Protein backbone atom coordinates (compact mmCIF):
# COMPACT_ATOMS: atom_id res chain seq x y z
CA MET A 1 0.08 0.02 -0.24
CA SER A 2 1.27 3.49 -0.89
CA PRO A 3 2.12 5.89 1.84
CA PHE A 4 -0.42 8.14 0.36
CA ARG A 5 -3.16 5.72 0.45
CA ARG A 6 -2.30 4.65 4.11
CA ARG A 7 -2.35 8.52 5.34
CA ALA A 8 -5.90 8.96 3.43
CA LEU A 9 -7.15 5.77 5.23
CA TYR A 10 -5.73 7.01 8.38
CA GLY A 11 -7.16 10.64 8.17
CA ALA A 12 -10.47 9.15 7.30
CA GLY A 13 -10.42 6.90 10.17
CA LEU A 14 -9.22 9.77 12.51
CA ALA A 15 -12.00 11.73 11.22
CA ALA A 16 -14.99 9.13 11.65
CA ALA A 17 -13.12 8.41 15.11
CA LEU A 18 -13.59 12.25 16.10
CA THR A 19 -17.06 12.51 14.88
CA ALA A 20 -18.23 9.47 16.65
CA GLY A 21 -16.83 11.09 19.68
CA THR A 22 -18.41 14.15 19.21
CA VAL A 23 -21.74 12.79 18.73
CA LEU A 24 -21.40 10.69 21.76
CA VAL A 25 -20.10 13.57 24.18
CA GLY A 26 -23.01 15.79 22.46
CA CYS A 27 -25.37 13.32 23.11
CA GLY A 28 -25.10 12.91 27.10
CA SER A 29 -27.81 14.16 29.10
CA ASP A 30 -25.53 16.60 30.84
CA GLY A 31 -23.76 17.66 27.69
CA PRO A 32 -22.86 21.56 26.84
CA ALA A 33 -26.57 22.17 26.04
CA ALA A 34 -27.97 20.21 29.00
CA VAL A 35 -29.12 23.15 31.49
CA ALA A 36 -30.94 22.99 34.60
CA ARG A 37 -34.05 25.29 35.17
CA LEU A 38 -34.26 25.20 38.84
CA SER A 39 -37.14 26.84 41.10
CA VAL A 40 -38.33 26.52 44.61
CA VAL A 41 -42.11 25.50 45.48
CA ASP A 42 -43.57 24.57 48.66
CA SER A 43 -41.16 25.59 51.30
CA TYR A 44 -42.19 25.67 54.96
CA ILE A 45 -40.71 24.93 58.40
CA PRO A 46 -42.62 23.59 61.28
CA ALA A 47 -41.86 25.85 64.53
CA PRO A 48 -39.54 24.17 66.66
CA ALA A 49 -40.92 22.93 69.95
CA SER A 50 -38.89 24.86 72.32
CA PRO A 51 -38.25 28.53 71.44
CA GLY A 52 -35.16 28.75 69.39
CA GLY A 53 -34.58 25.21 68.95
CA MET A 54 -33.50 23.03 66.32
CA ALA A 55 -36.36 22.64 63.42
CA ALA A 56 -36.46 20.84 60.15
CA GLY A 57 -36.83 22.73 56.84
CA TYR A 58 -38.84 21.42 53.92
CA LEU A 59 -39.23 22.28 50.14
CA THR A 60 -39.40 20.99 46.64
CA VAL A 61 -36.60 22.02 44.04
CA ARG A 62 -38.39 21.71 40.67
CA ASN A 63 -35.98 21.58 37.69
CA THR A 64 -37.36 21.59 34.24
CA GLY A 65 -34.10 21.61 32.35
CA ALA A 66 -32.48 18.98 30.46
CA GLY A 67 -29.50 19.01 32.71
CA SER A 68 -29.31 17.76 36.34
CA ASP A 69 -27.46 19.74 39.02
CA GLU A 70 -26.88 19.06 43.00
CA LEU A 71 -27.91 21.36 46.00
CA ILE A 72 -24.41 21.49 47.74
CA ALA A 73 -25.02 24.25 50.61
CA VAL A 74 -28.04 25.96 52.19
CA ARG A 75 -27.47 29.20 54.33
CA SER A 76 -29.30 31.60 56.20
CA PRO A 77 -28.53 34.89 57.77
CA GLY A 78 -31.24 33.94 60.51
CA ALA A 79 -29.46 30.73 61.46
CA SER A 80 -25.91 29.65 62.55
CA SER A 81 -26.20 26.60 60.68
CA VAL A 82 -28.21 24.75 58.20
CA THR A 83 -27.41 21.39 57.14
CA MET A 84 -28.89 18.71 54.72
CA HIS A 85 -29.95 15.53 56.05
CA ARG A 86 -31.26 12.02 54.36
CA SER A 87 -33.59 10.06 57.03
CA THR A 88 -34.24 6.17 56.46
CA GLU A 89 -36.43 3.94 58.78
CA ARG A 90 -33.81 3.96 61.02
CA THR A 91 -31.08 6.84 60.72
CA MET A 92 -30.70 10.42 59.92
CA GLU A 93 -27.79 11.59 58.52
CA GLU A 94 -25.74 14.49 57.43
CA VAL A 95 -24.98 14.56 53.61
CA PRO A 96 -22.58 16.82 51.68
CA SER A 97 -24.86 17.32 48.63
CA LEU A 98 -28.61 16.21 47.34
CA PRO A 99 -29.10 15.23 43.49
CA VAL A 100 -31.77 17.31 41.50
CA PRO A 101 -32.45 15.27 38.34
CA ALA A 102 -32.78 16.60 35.04
CA ASN A 103 -36.66 17.18 34.42
CA GLY A 104 -37.26 16.05 38.03
CA GLU A 105 -37.55 17.17 41.57
CA LEU A 106 -35.65 17.25 44.86
CA GLN A 107 -38.01 16.78 47.48
CA LEU A 108 -37.24 17.75 51.18
CA ALA A 109 -40.18 16.25 53.06
CA ARG A 110 -41.24 14.50 56.46
CA GLY A 111 -39.38 11.18 56.91
CA GLY A 112 -36.84 11.88 54.00
CA ASN A 113 -34.43 14.45 52.95
CA HIS A 114 -34.65 17.63 54.70
CA LEU A 115 -32.96 20.49 56.34
CA MET A 116 -31.84 20.70 59.83
CA ILE A 117 -31.92 24.40 61.29
CA MET A 118 -29.98 25.28 64.36
CA GLY A 119 -28.87 28.42 65.90
CA TRP A 120 -31.88 30.85 65.20
CA THR A 121 -30.68 34.48 65.47
CA LYS A 122 -34.08 35.17 66.99
CA ALA A 123 -36.68 32.33 68.03
CA PRO A 124 -39.23 31.76 65.38
CA VAL A 125 -42.90 31.89 65.68
CA VAL A 126 -45.93 30.68 63.66
CA GLY A 127 -45.93 33.52 60.63
CA ASP A 128 -42.28 34.35 60.68
CA ARG A 129 -40.05 33.93 57.53
CA LEU A 130 -36.59 32.60 57.52
CA GLU A 131 -34.44 33.53 54.39
CA LEU A 132 -32.79 30.46 53.04
CA GLU A 133 -29.86 30.60 50.27
CA LEU A 134 -29.65 27.53 48.38
CA THR A 135 -26.46 26.89 46.46
CA PHE A 136 -26.41 24.22 43.32
CA ALA A 137 -23.06 22.39 41.93
CA LYS A 138 -23.41 24.17 38.68
CA GLY A 139 -23.37 27.60 40.30
CA GLU A 140 -26.73 28.87 40.55
CA THR A 141 -27.98 30.46 44.06
CA ILE A 142 -31.81 30.69 44.96
CA ALA A 143 -32.92 32.93 47.75
CA VAL A 144 -36.35 32.08 49.28
CA GLN A 145 -38.47 33.43 52.29
CA VAL A 146 -39.59 30.22 54.02
CA PRO A 147 -42.54 30.55 56.11
CA VAL A 148 -42.85 29.00 59.77
CA GLU A 149 -45.54 27.07 60.01
CA SER A 150 -47.52 25.23 62.97
CA LEU A 151 -46.33 21.72 63.98
CA THR A 152 -49.32 20.28 62.46
CA TYR A 153 -48.90 21.94 59.18
CA ARG A 154 -49.17 19.93 56.04
CA PRO A 155 -48.24 21.68 52.29
CA GLY A 156 -51.92 22.25 50.89
CA SER A 157 -53.79 22.10 53.99
CA LYS A 158 -54.11 25.92 54.58
């Protein structure tokens, strides 16, 4: 085989491999065009049993985009600590992040994933609002005003 013919075949094979690689990368669900579109709904905090005590926080992060993301931090100017937790039938453990699937939801709800809020700057009462800043892995930060509700409150029961 002539050197010219060998180079032509090599070049065609390399071009095909690069094209196939580009197609595979472009088809991934989190490729460059896959963007998360996040919003927060149904947020609430049941009033702590003791004034200024520890409280749980619940909300839903909706993602209407084609890309996934992760909730990586939650902060509040009204509390010294807000941590993310996962509950199972037997345990509750702090986690460093929580996934937000593409075209899906991350639900923080009683008996499951939730926030633990500690060190309130002011003892919360029903009707107060606590500002939470949710930070996501891809750089977005969403600020929400979360209402403090009665211990018996359930979303949709107002």
